[in-house]
Amino acid sequence: MNRSPYETGLDRREANFQPLSPLSFLSRAALVNPDKTAIIHGALRRSYAEFYARARQLGSALAAKGIRKNDTVAALLLNTPAMLEAHYGVPMAGAVLNALNTRLDPATVAFILNHGEAKVLIFDSELAPVVSKALESVRTPPLLIEYADPESGVAPALGVADYEEFIAAGDPEFAWSPPDDEWDAIALNYTSGTTGDPKGVVYHHRGAALLATGNALHTGMNADSVYLWTLPMFHCNGWCFPWTVSAVMGTHVCLRAVRAAPIFDALADHGVTHLCGAPIVMQTLLNAPAASKRDFSQRAAFLTAAAPPPETVLAAMGDAGFEVTHLYGLTECYGPSVINEWKPEWSALAADEQAAKKARQGVRYLALDDLAVMDPESMAATPADGETIGEVMMRGNVVMKGYLKNEPATEAALKGGWFHTGDLGVLHPDGYIQLKDRAKDIIISGGENISSIEIEDALFRHPAVAACAVVARPDEKWGETPCAFVELKPGATATEAELIAFARERLAGFKTPKTVVFQDLPKTSTGKVQKFELRRLARAL
């Protein structure tokens, strides 16, 4: 059989094919704009040359400790320069960055450290109590490196390796290598899923590079962009923005905690152009006391995910100087991979019609190859009528490699050539999708994914509880909060406050139910709890 001329003498080779990776974004920024301010953190100003040198020092120091390809390096850090450095330095050593949710309880932190087999844990001094407690349950203790952020005022607590001393021993000219294969793992992120134990979502270098550049393309970021870290960097690696900002050679403004006054200060003092967050961040801004607010001249792009903002919130944000864009994504697709691409003609619509358009999740990022609403059983596409409900599915280069050490869950999530999001939605005639419900019973509170089953398991341990079911209750501030419906054992008594306190002893604070309703649980003829009915009751509360 004759080969085509296009298949002869045109082989893939080192000169014409290199693995995609976001690590090259930082080296390029340091080459092109070495003196440009890359990071602002309180009084600290760090250039791209310094940022790149410190990332290389971190990679070098980790390598000197024996960290190699596919070793896990965990980071329990707030939105600080150290966390940005970890996004480059860790994979420069060939390792996989596991950014941990800073709001987790010690038991969950211990589970993740054990499951991910972390060889190193870099942690913030403020979180030392959580680390100390978690280590009691860690089978193989990792190398501990403590980051004492001068902006926190918290002194080192555990007497372990100091972060600054650790990287000072590294080589700023460290000859790091790109990944051998763009399919190599770059990050590990744990998501609550539908079971109590989190699942470890594995990202590859190719997907991280594509999603990061997709962010820049769809949000209009460039070298003049100033990005404020109101989104936790542990959320899908900060939706890949640690890599995006370097790609465009913009400026990172770090923020340890989401508070109104420092956000307005950053907007006014640093000219912040972009910030991301859950609806709770918008509420923080809008409800801030006058003393915390400051005027700023630029119009800032606010990118939000989770539940679509109500019309009143959108209007108030517009009046406050923000342009809100609605995004949609999951941990399994590197964060935002769907955007509500606003059409100019929609701006002429009445306010309620604009709000209806804003409520849609939208269309796929260019980095996502396909987005569909399908019948999960037949895998047939639902009609684009805006009414027929199916499961939202995705496929492309920004879908995860799979779940770490969980092949059955990986196969189920990626069966039929599509990633099954577990979210139910409709497809509108113009190709925009809109979510209608969640098949997974996940509660999203303040941008955090909470497993209803994990809360149910905690409540079931109370001696008075016979049965319980947890669903999301709409909340103006948090978007959603956990609402527990409880059946008590015959003759037993318990109060709402008692059960909430009981759960708080066993769960992270944000996972604790905020409401407890005592009643018989509605069930099917086979005894299955009808959660759709409970969601209706929760909405009516």
Protein backbone atom coordinates (compact mmCIF):
# COMPACT_ATOMS: atom_id res chain seq x y z
CA MET A 1 0.00 0.00 0.00
CA ASN A 2 1.43 3.35 -1.05
CA ARG A 3 1.91 5.91 1.70
CA SER A 4 0.77 9.47 1.15
CA PRO A 5 3.51 12.05 0.58
CA TYR A 6 2.17 13.67 3.77
CA GLU A 7 3.09 10.50 5.66
CA THR A 8 6.59 10.16 4.20
CA GLY A 9 9.64 11.95 5.56
CA LEU A 10 7.52 14.17 7.77
CA ASP A 11 8.02 12.40 11.09
CA ARG A 12 7.37 13.83 14.50
CA ARG A 13 10.71 14.74 16.05
CA GLU A 14 12.20 16.89 18.79
CA ALA A 15 12.58 19.89 16.52
CA ASN A 16 8.92 20.03 15.53
CA PHE A 17 7.04 18.49 18.45
CA GLN A 18 7.31 19.37 22.14
CA PRO A 19 4.92 18.40 24.93
CA LEU A 20 2.49 21.17 25.89
CA SER A 21 3.00 22.42 29.44
CA PRO A 22 2.17 25.63 31.33
CA LEU A 23 5.66 25.63 32.87
CA SER A 24 7.01 27.33 29.76
CA PHE A 25 4.69 30.28 30.38
CA LEU A 26 6.78 31.43 33.35
CA SER A 27 10.14 30.98 31.64
CA ARG A 28 8.88 33.01 28.67
CA ALA A 29 7.53 35.78 30.91
CA ALA A 30 10.88 35.98 32.72
CA LEU A 31 12.68 36.21 29.37
CA VAL A 32 10.40 38.81 27.79
CA ASN A 33 9.50 40.92 30.83
CA PRO A 34 12.03 40.13 33.59
CA ASP A 35 11.47 43.40 35.48
CA LYS A 36 7.68 43.40 35.21
CA THR A 37 5.92 43.05 38.57
CA ALA A 38 4.60 39.49 38.66
CA ILE A 39 3.42 39.27 42.26
CA ILE A 40 2.08 41.81 44.76
CA HIS A 41 1.56 40.64 48.33
CA GLY A 42 1.19 43.32 50.96
CA ALA A 43 4.45 45.27 50.86
CA LEU A 44 6.13 42.61 48.70
CA ARG A 45 6.78 43.21 45.00
CA ARG A 46 8.34 40.37 43.02
CA SER A 47 9.39 40.57 39.37
CA TYR A 48 9.01 37.82 36.79
CA ALA A 49 12.76 37.21 36.92
CA GLU A 50 12.51 36.69 40.70
CA PHE A 51 9.37 34.59 40.40
CA TYR A 52 11.03 32.27 37.89
CA ALA A 53 14.24 32.04 39.94
CA ARG A 54 12.35 31.14 43.11
CA ALA A 55 10.24 28.51 41.32
CA ARG A 56 13.47 26.95 40.03
CA GLN A 57 14.94 27.06 43.53
CA LEU A 58 11.90 25.23 44.86
CA GLY A 59 12.16 22.60 42.11
CA SER A 60 15.89 22.21 42.76
CA ALA A 61 15.44 21.89 46.54
CA LEU A 62 12.72 19.26 46.10
CA ALA A 63 14.90 17.31 43.68
CA ALA A 64 17.76 17.43 46.20
CA LYS A 65 15.43 15.76 48.70
CA GLY A 66 14.85 12.91 46.28
CA ILE A 67 11.55 14.09 44.82
CA ARG A 68 11.12 12.59 41.38
CA LYS A 69 8.59 12.17 38.59
CA ASN A 70 5.10 11.25 39.81
CA ASP A 71 5.87 11.91 43.48
CA THR A 72 3.09 13.85 45.19
CA VAL A 73 3.87 17.18 46.85
CA ALA A 74 0.93 18.47 48.88
CA ALA A 75 0.40 22.16 49.63
CA LEU A 76 -1.89 23.42 52.38
CA LEU A 77 -1.39 27.08 51.59
CA LEU A 78 -3.51 30.20 51.35
CA ASN A 79 -3.36 32.53 48.33
CA THR A 80 0.24 33.56 48.84
CA PRO A 81 3.43 33.79 46.76
CA ALA A 82 4.46 30.35 48.03
CA MET A 83 1.37 28.80 46.47
CA LEU A 84 2.12 30.46 43.13
CA GLU A 85 5.70 29.19 43.30
CA ALA A 86 4.45 25.68 44.05
CA HIS A 87 2.44 25.67 40.81
CA TYR A 88 5.72 25.86 38.91
CA GLY A 89 8.44 24.57 41.22
CA VAL A 90 6.72 21.29 42.07
CA PRO A 91 6.19 20.15 38.45
CA MET A 92 9.66 21.49 37.54
CA ALA A 93 10.93 18.67 39.77
CA GLY A 94 8.71 16.28 37.83
CA ALA A 95 6.35 15.94 40.79
CA VAL A 96 2.57 16.32 41.04
CA LEU A 97 1.11 19.25 42.98
CA ASN A 98 -1.73 18.37 45.35
CA ALA A 99 -3.25 21.70 46.47
CA LEU A 100 -5.33 21.00 49.59
CA ASN A 101 -8.54 22.77 50.55
CA THR A 102 -7.58 25.03 53.46
CA ARG A 103 -11.04 24.61 55.00
CA LEU A 104 -10.87 20.85 55.45
CA ASP A 105 -10.96 19.13 58.82
CA PRO A 106 -7.88 17.17 60.01
CA ALA A 107 -9.44 13.76 59.28
CA THR A 108 -10.03 14.63 55.62
CA VAL A 109 -6.56 16.15 55.27
CA ALA A 110 -5.13 12.91 56.67
CA PHE A 111 -7.19 10.83 54.22
CA ILE A 112 -5.90 12.87 51.26
CA LEU A 113 -2.27 12.73 52.41
CA ASN A 114 -2.57 8.96 52.78
CA HIS A 115 -4.46 8.37 49.53
CA GLY A 116 -2.23 10.66 47.48
CA GLU A 117 0.90 9.26 49.15
CA ALA A 118 2.33 12.74 49.66
CA LYS A 119 6.11 12.78 50.03
CA VAL A 120 6.18 16.47 51.01
CA LEU A 121 3.67 18.81 52.67
CA ILE A 122 4.19 22.56 52.40
CA PHE A 123 1.83 24.34 54.80
CA ASP A 124 1.01 27.80 56.10
CA SER A 125 1.79 28.49 59.77
CA GLU A 126 -1.80 29.59 60.31
CA LEU A 127 -2.91 26.06 59.42
CA ALA A 128 -0.37 24.30 61.65
CA PRO A 129 -3.04 23.09 64.14
CA VAL A 130 -4.88 21.25 61.34
CA VAL A 131 -1.61 19.75 60.09
CA SER A 132 -0.55 18.66 63.56
CA LYS A 133 -3.84 16.87 64.18
CA ALA A 134 -3.94 15.33 60.69
CA LEU A 135 -0.44 13.88 61.03
CA GLU A 136 -1.66 11.69 63.87
CA SER A 137 -3.48 9.61 61.24
CA VAL A 138 -0.94 9.72 58.42
CA ARG A 139 0.69 6.34 57.80
CA THR A 140 3.92 7.67 56.26
CA PRO A 141 4.61 11.21 57.45
CA PRO A 142 5.76 13.50 54.61
CA LEU A 143 8.65 15.93 54.72
CA LEU A 144 7.17 19.02 56.38
CA ILE A 145 7.95 22.54 55.16
CA GLU A 146 6.35 25.46 57.00
CA TYR A 147 5.63 28.78 55.28
CA ALA A 148 5.52 31.67 57.74
CA ASP A 149 3.93 34.47 55.73
CA PRO A 150 5.03 37.89 57.04
CA GLU A 151 1.58 39.24 56.14
CA SER A 152 -0.14 36.81 58.53
CA GLY A 153 1.73 37.75 61.68
CA VAL A 154 1.65 34.06 62.66
CA ALA A 155 4.97 32.66 63.87
CA PRO A 156 6.25 29.20 62.85
CA ALA A 157 4.57 26.61 65.03
CA LEU A 158 5.85 23.10 64.37
CA GLY A 159 9.61 23.58 64.38
CA VAL A 160 10.10 21.92 60.99
CA ALA A 161 11.91 23.07 57.84
CA ASP A 162 11.31 26.75 57.07
CA TYR A 163 10.09 27.44 53.53
CA GLU A 164 12.44 30.37 52.87
CA GLU A 165 15.45 28.44 54.16
CA PHE A 166 14.40 25.40 52.15
CA ILE A 167 14.27 27.17 48.81
CA ALA A 168 17.36 29.26 49.59
CA ALA A 169 19.30 26.00 49.36
CA GLY A 170 17.98 25.46 45.83
CA ASP A 171 19.62 26.53 42.59
CA PRO A 172 18.01 29.58 40.88
CA GLU A 173 19.53 28.28 37.62
CA PHE A 174 18.07 24.79 38.12
CA ALA A 175 18.02 23.03 34.75
CA TRP A 176 14.47 21.74 34.98
CA SER A 177 13.07 19.69 32.13
CA PRO A 178 9.64 19.86 30.50
CA PRO A 179 7.53 16.73 30.92
CA ASP A 180 8.56 13.72 28.84
CA ASP A 181 4.97 13.47 27.69
CA GLU A 182 2.24 16.10 27.84
CA TRP A 183 0.01 13.34 29.24
CA ASP A 184 2.21 13.28 32.38
CA ALA A 185 0.41 14.29 35.56
CA ILE A 186 0.88 17.87 36.76
CA ALA A 187 -1.72 18.16 39.53
CA LEU A 188 -3.97 16.17 41.84
CA ASN A 189 -7.19 17.75 43.12
CA TYR A 190 -9.67 16.10 45.45
CA THR A 191 -13.40 16.54 44.97
CA SER A 192 -16.20 15.48 47.28
CA GLY A 193 -18.06 13.49 44.62
CA THR A 194 -21.14 11.67 45.88
CA THR A 195 -19.47 9.59 48.57
CA GLY A 196 -17.90 10.53 51.86
CA ASP A 197 -14.33 9.87 50.74
CA PRO A 198 -12.99 12.45 48.28
CA LYS A 199 -11.89 11.33 44.82
CA GLY A 200 -8.48 12.37 43.47
CA VAL A 201 -8.79 14.06 40.07
CA VAL A 202 -5.58 13.87 38.03
CA TYR A 203 -4.64 16.65 35.58
CA HIS A 204 -2.07 16.41 32.78
CA HIS A 205 0.27 19.10 31.46
CA ARG A 206 -1.57 19.36 28.12
CA GLY A 207 -4.92 20.10 29.72
CA ALA A 208 -3.43 22.62 32.15
CA ALA A 209 -1.77 24.51 29.29
CA LEU A 210 -4.90 24.53 27.15
CA LEU A 211 -7.29 25.58 29.91
CA ALA A 212 -4.88 28.30 31.06
CA THR A 213 -4.63 29.80 27.58
CA GLY A 214 -8.39 29.36 27.16
CA ASN A 215 -8.91 31.52 30.24
CA ALA A 216 -6.83 34.27 28.68
CA LEU A 217 -8.70 34.08 25.40
CA HIS A 218 -12.21 34.07 26.85
CA THR A 219 -11.64 36.68 29.55
CA GLY A 220 -9.63 39.12 27.42
CA MET A 221 -6.59 39.08 29.70
CA ASN A 222 -3.30 40.62 28.53
CA ALA A 223 -0.05 42.07 29.87
CA ASP A 224 -1.96 44.98 31.42
CA SER A 225 -4.23 42.65 33.39
CA VAL A 226 -4.06 42.65 37.17
CA TYR A 227 -5.58 39.53 38.70
CA LEU A 228 -6.78 39.54 42.32
CA TRP A 229 -6.75 36.18 44.12
CA THR A 230 -10.25 36.06 45.60
CA LEU A 231 -10.62 32.50 44.25
CA PRO A 232 -8.81 29.85 46.33
CA MET A 233 -5.83 28.40 44.48
CA PHE A 234 -6.85 24.98 45.77
CA HIS A 235 -10.01 25.15 43.62
CA CYS A 236 -8.99 23.30 40.44
CA ASN A 237 -5.55 24.92 40.78
CA GLY A 238 -7.26 28.29 40.95
CA TRP A 239 -9.15 27.45 37.73
CA CYS A 240 -5.66 27.33 36.15
CA PHE A 241 -5.19 31.10 36.56
CA PRO A 242 -1.76 30.68 38.27
CA TRP A 243 -0.62 29.63 34.80
CA THR A 244 -2.91 32.01 32.84
CA VAL A 245 -1.54 35.18 34.42
CA SER A 246 2.03 34.20 33.57
CA ALA A 247 1.00 33.32 30.01
CA VAL A 248 -0.17 36.91 29.44
CA MET A 249 2.57 38.39 31.68
CA GLY A 250 0.00 40.04 33.92
CA THR A 251 0.25 40.72 37.66
CA HIS A 252 -0.92 38.49 40.51
CA VAL A 253 -2.26 40.26 43.60
CA CYS A 254 -2.31 37.78 46.49
CA LEU A 255 -4.98 37.80 49.17
CA ARG A 256 -4.86 35.57 52.23
CA ALA A 257 -8.55 35.91 53.01
CA VAL A 258 -11.61 37.23 51.21
CA ARG A 259 -12.48 40.42 53.07
CA ALA A 260 -14.19 43.49 51.63
CA ALA A 261 -11.69 46.15 52.70
CA PRO A 262 -8.55 44.54 51.19
CA ILE A 263 -10.46 43.73 48.00
CA PHE A 264 -11.52 47.36 47.56
CA ASP A 265 -7.99 48.47 48.48
CA ALA A 266 -6.57 46.25 45.74
CA LEU A 267 -9.10 47.53 43.21
CA ALA A 268 -8.21 51.13 44.04
CA ASP A 269 -4.46 50.83 44.66
CA HIS A 270 -3.41 48.20 42.11
CA GLY A 271 -5.97 48.69 39.34
CA VAL A 272 -7.31 45.13 39.53
CA THR A 273 -8.92 44.18 36.21
CA HIS A 274 -10.01 40.57 36.89
CA LEU A 275 -11.19 38.56 39.87
CA CYS A 276 -13.07 35.29 40.28
CA GLY A 277 -15.26 33.77 42.92
CA ALA A 278 -18.45 32.13 44.06
CA PRO A 279 -21.60 34.22 44.67
CA ILE A 280 -20.51 34.69 48.30
CA VAL A 281 -17.70 36.98 47.09
CA MET A 282 -20.24 39.20 45.34
CA GLN A 283 -22.29 39.38 48.53
CA THR A 284 -19.14 40.30 50.46
CA LEU A 285 -18.56 43.23 48.11
CA LEU A 286 -22.15 44.43 47.91
CA ASN A 287 -22.86 44.15 51.63
CA ALA A 288 -19.61 45.75 52.76
CA PRO A 289 -19.95 48.69 55.16
CA ALA A 290 -19.27 52.09 53.64
CA ALA A 291 -16.04 52.36 55.62
CA SER A 292 -14.63 49.32 53.78
CA LYS A 293 -15.50 50.54 50.28
CA ARG A 294 -13.33 52.66 48.01
CA ASP A 295 -13.90 54.11 44.57
CA PHE A 296 -11.95 52.72 41.61
CA SER A 297 -11.90 54.03 38.06
CA GLN A 298 -11.59 50.82 36.01
CA ARG A 299 -14.41 48.39 35.24
CA ALA A 300 -13.38 45.05 36.72
CA ALA A 301 -14.31 41.68 35.21
CA PHE A 302 -15.86 39.42 37.84
CA LEU A 303 -15.98 35.75 36.79
CA THR A 304 -18.35 33.59 38.79
CA ALA A 305 -19.41 29.97 38.78
CA ALA A 306 -21.91 27.87 40.79
CA ALA A 307 -25.49 29.15 40.91
CA PRO A 308 -26.28 31.99 38.47
CA PRO A 309 -26.55 35.37 40.18
CA PRO A 310 -30.06 36.80 40.64
CA GLU A 311 -31.07 39.80 38.54
CA THR A 312 -30.84 42.16 41.52
CA VAL A 313 -27.27 41.05 42.27
CA LEU A 314 -26.21 41.47 38.63
CA ALA A 315 -27.62 44.99 38.58
CA ALA A 316 -25.97 45.89 41.89
CA MET A 317 -22.61 44.53 40.72
CA GLY A 318 -22.89 46.56 37.52
CA ASP A 319 -23.59 49.70 39.51
CA ALA A 320 -20.58 48.93 41.74
CA GLY A 321 -18.20 48.81 38.77
CA PHE A 322 -18.08 45.08 37.95
CA GLU A 323 -18.85 43.23 34.75
CA VAL A 324 -20.10 39.76 35.74
CA THR A 325 -19.55 36.73 33.51
CA HIS A 326 -21.08 33.38 34.36
CA LEU A 327 -18.85 30.30 33.97
CA TYR A 328 -19.44 26.58 34.47
CA GLY A 329 -17.09 23.71 35.08
CA LEU A 330 -16.10 20.94 37.44
CA THR A 331 -12.90 19.77 39.07
CA GLU A 332 -12.84 17.01 36.44
CA CYS A 333 -12.51 19.56 33.60
CA TYR A 334 -9.83 21.81 35.13
CA GLY A 335 -12.35 24.39 36.32
CA PRO A 336 -14.25 26.65 33.91
CA SER A 337 -14.67 25.08 30.48
CA VAL A 338 -18.07 26.60 29.66
CA ILE A 339 -18.79 30.32 29.46
CA ASN A 340 -21.91 32.41 29.08
CA GLU A 341 -20.66 34.15 25.95
CA TRP A 342 -22.63 37.38 25.98
CA LYS A 343 -24.03 38.54 22.64
CA PRO A 344 -24.15 42.31 22.01
CA GLU A 345 -27.80 42.20 20.93
CA TRP A 346 -28.80 40.78 24.32
CA SER A 347 -27.88 44.09 25.95
CA ALA A 348 -30.93 45.65 24.28
CA LEU A 349 -33.31 43.19 25.97
CA ALA A 350 -35.46 44.05 28.98
CA ALA A 351 -33.82 43.44 32.36
CA ASP A 352 -35.77 40.25 33.08
CA GLU A 353 -34.91 38.84 29.65
CA GLN A 354 -31.23 39.68 30.17
CA ALA A 355 -31.35 37.90 33.53
CA ALA A 356 -32.79 34.82 31.83
CA LYS A 357 -29.89 34.83 29.38
CA LYS A 358 -27.38 35.36 32.20
CA ALA A 359 -28.79 32.32 34.01
CA ARG A 360 -27.50 30.00 31.30
CA GLN A 361 -24.20 28.22 31.78
CA GLY A 362 -23.36 28.88 28.13
CA VAL A 363 -21.16 27.38 25.43
CA ARG A 364 -17.88 25.49 25.46
CA TYR A 365 -14.45 27.04 25.80
CA LEU A 366 -12.35 26.64 22.66
CA ALA A 367 -10.17 24.31 24.74
CA LEU A 368 -13.14 21.94 25.18
CA ASP A 369 -13.82 19.87 22.08
CA ASP A 370 -17.48 19.09 22.65
CA LEU A 371 -20.32 19.92 25.02
CA ALA A 372 -23.69 18.18 24.84
CA VAL A 373 -26.87 17.32 26.70
CA MET A 374 -27.61 13.61 26.31
CA ASP A 375 -29.71 10.76 27.57
CA PRO A 376 -27.21 8.93 29.84
CA GLU A 377 -28.72 5.53 29.03
CA SER A 378 -29.04 5.70 25.24
CA MET A 379 -26.30 8.36 24.81
CA ALA A 380 -28.61 10.08 22.31
CA ALA A 381 -28.53 13.88 22.17
CA THR A 382 -31.59 15.60 23.58
CA PRO A 383 -33.44 18.00 21.27
CA ALA A 384 -32.30 21.63 21.42
CA ASP A 385 -35.68 22.83 22.68
CA GLY A 386 -34.71 24.33 26.04
CA GLU A 387 -37.09 21.90 27.76
CA THR A 388 -35.92 18.29 27.41
CA ILE A 389 -33.71 17.43 30.36
CA GLY A 390 -30.63 15.26 29.93
CA GLU A 391 -27.19 14.90 31.44
CA VAL A 392 -24.56 17.48 30.55
CA MET A 393 -21.54 15.77 29.00
CA MET A 394 -18.13 16.93 27.82
CA ARG A 395 -15.14 15.60 25.98
CA GLY A 396 -11.78 17.00 25.01
CA ASN A 397 -8.28 17.80 26.16
CA VAL A 398 -9.41 19.58 29.33
CA VAL A 399 -11.10 16.52 30.79
CA MET A 400 -9.16 14.79 33.59
CA LYS A 401 -6.93 11.76 33.13
CA GLY A 402 -9.17 10.04 35.67
CA TYR A 403 -9.52 9.39 39.40
CA LEU A 404 -6.37 8.34 41.24
CA LYS A 405 -6.44 4.68 42.30
CA ASN A 406 -10.13 4.41 41.41
CA GLU A 407 -10.53 2.71 38.03
CA PRO A 408 -14.24 1.83 38.47
CA ALA A 409 -15.11 5.50 39.10
CA THR A 410 -12.93 6.57 36.17
CA GLU A 411 -14.62 4.12 33.81
CA ALA A 412 -18.08 5.21 34.97
CA ALA A 413 -17.26 8.91 34.57
CA LEU A 414 -15.75 8.51 31.08
CA LYS A 415 -17.90 5.74 29.63
CA GLY A 416 -19.12 6.00 26.05
CA GLY A 417 -16.41 8.46 25.07
CA TRP A 418 -17.83 11.30 27.16
CA PHE A 419 -17.27 12.75 30.61
CA HIS A 420 -20.54 12.39 32.51
CA THR A 421 -20.85 15.51 34.67
CA GLY A 422 -23.78 14.22 36.72
CA ASP A 423 -25.47 17.58 36.17
CA LEU A 424 -28.87 17.68 34.53
CA GLY A 425 -29.68 20.41 32.05
CA VAL A 426 -31.29 21.48 28.79
CA LEU A 427 -29.94 22.63 25.44
CA HIS A 428 -31.45 25.83 24.05
CA PRO A 429 -32.05 26.30 20.30
CA ASP A 430 -29.06 28.68 20.09
CA GLY A 431 -26.69 26.01 21.45
CA TYR A 432 -26.39 27.36 25.01
CA ILE A 433 -26.82 24.89 27.87
CA GLN A 434 -28.58 25.58 31.15
CA LEU A 435 -28.44 23.46 34.29
CA LYS A 436 -31.69 22.36 35.89
CA ASP A 437 -30.66 20.02 38.67
CA ARG A 438 -27.79 17.92 39.98
CA ALA A 439 -27.84 14.20 39.61
CA LYS A 440 -25.14 13.86 42.23
CA ASP A 441 -26.84 15.55 45.19
CA ILE A 442 -23.79 17.73 45.66
CA ILE A 443 -24.31 20.90 47.66
CA ILE A 444 -22.27 23.93 46.55
CA SER A 445 -21.90 26.36 49.44
CA GLY A 446 -19.70 29.40 49.00
CA GLY A 447 -18.09 27.67 46.05
CA GLU A 448 -17.25 24.55 48.08
CA ASN A 449 -18.52 21.12 47.03
CA ILE A 450 -20.14 19.28 49.93
CA SER A 451 -21.17 15.63 49.87
CA SER A 452 -24.67 15.16 51.30
CA ILE A 453 -23.78 11.55 52.12
CA GLU A 454 -20.86 12.64 54.31
CA ILE A 455 -23.19 14.84 56.38
CA GLU A 456 -25.79 12.07 56.57
CA ASP A 457 -23.15 9.65 57.85
CA ALA A 458 -22.20 12.10 60.61
CA LEU A 459 -25.81 12.66 61.71
CA PHE A 460 -26.57 8.95 61.68
CA ARG A 461 -24.05 8.54 64.49
CA HIS A 462 -26.30 10.48 66.88
CA PRO A 463 -28.14 8.01 69.11
CA ALA A 464 -31.51 9.73 68.58
CA VAL A 465 -31.41 9.70 64.76
CA ALA A 466 -33.32 6.95 62.98
CA ALA A 467 -33.01 8.28 59.43
CA CYS A 468 -31.84 11.43 57.73
CA ALA A 469 -31.36 12.95 54.31
CA VAL A 470 -29.47 16.11 53.40
CA VAL A 471 -30.21 18.40 50.46
CA ALA A 472 -29.27 21.90 49.38
CA ARG A 473 -31.29 24.83 50.68
CA PRO A 474 -31.01 28.06 48.65
CA ASP A 475 -29.17 30.76 50.56
CA GLU A 476 -28.77 34.40 49.54
CA LYS A 477 -25.28 34.68 51.00
CA TRP A 478 -23.73 31.26 50.35
CA GLY A 479 -25.68 30.17 47.26
CA GLU A 480 -26.66 26.95 49.01
CA THR A 481 -26.33 25.52 52.52
CA PRO A 482 -26.86 21.95 53.77
CA CYS A 483 -30.36 21.28 55.07
CA ALA A 484 -30.94 18.05 57.00
CA PHE A 485 -34.29 16.28 57.26
CA VAL A 486 -34.30 13.95 60.25
CA GLU A 487 -36.51 11.17 61.59
CA LEU A 488 -35.97 10.48 65.28
CA LYS A 489 -36.12 7.06 66.91
CA PRO A 490 -39.35 6.30 68.83
CA GLY A 491 -39.22 8.00 72.20
CA ALA A 492 -35.98 9.83 71.43
CA THR A 493 -35.55 13.59 71.54
CA ALA A 494 -33.09 16.02 70.00
CA THR A 495 -33.07 19.69 69.09
CA GLU A 496 -31.87 21.41 65.95
CA ALA A 497 -29.04 23.09 67.86
CA GLU A 498 -27.98 19.79 69.39
CA LEU A 499 -27.71 18.00 66.03
CA ILE A 500 -25.88 20.92 64.40
CA ALA A 501 -23.36 20.94 67.27
CA PHE A 502 -23.02 17.15 67.00
CA ALA A 503 -22.27 17.40 63.29
CA ARG A 504 -19.82 20.27 63.80
CA GLU A 505 -17.69 18.04 66.03
CA ARG A 506 -17.31 15.58 63.14
CA LEU A 507 -17.22 17.76 60.06
CA ALA A 508 -15.46 20.82 58.70
CA GLY A 509 -17.42 23.97 59.57
CA PHE A 510 -18.62 24.64 56.03
CA LYS A 511 -20.02 21.09 55.79
CA THR A 512 -22.12 21.41 58.94
CA PRO A 513 -25.88 21.60 58.26
CA LYS A 514 -27.27 25.07 58.84
CA THR A 515 -30.88 23.84 59.11
CA VAL A 516 -32.42 20.69 60.62
CA VAL A 517 -36.06 19.79 59.97
CA PHE A 518 -37.73 17.01 61.97
CA GLN A 519 -40.24 15.02 59.92
CA ASP A 520 -40.91 11.65 58.29
CA LEU A 521 -38.86 11.27 55.13
CA PRO A 522 -40.83 10.88 51.88
CA LYS A 523 -39.99 7.53 50.29
CA THR A 524 -40.74 5.51 47.19
CA SER A 525 -42.52 2.13 47.37
CA THR A 526 -39.10 0.50 47.56
CA GLY A 527 -38.04 2.65 50.51
CA LYS A 528 -35.76 5.07 48.64
CA VAL A 529 -35.82 8.63 49.97
CA GLN A 530 -37.33 11.08 47.49
CA LYS A 531 -34.73 13.82 47.58
CA PHE A 532 -36.48 15.82 44.89
CA GLU A 533 -39.38 16.24 47.32
CA LEU A 534 -36.99 17.30 50.09
CA ARG A 535 -35.38 19.85 47.78
CA ARG A 536 -38.84 21.27 47.13
CA LEU A 537 -39.46 21.51 50.88
CA ALA A 538 -36.05 23.11 51.45
CA ARG A 539 -36.74 25.75 48.81
CA ALA A 540 -40.04 26.55 50.53
CA LEU A 541 -38.51 27.03 53.99
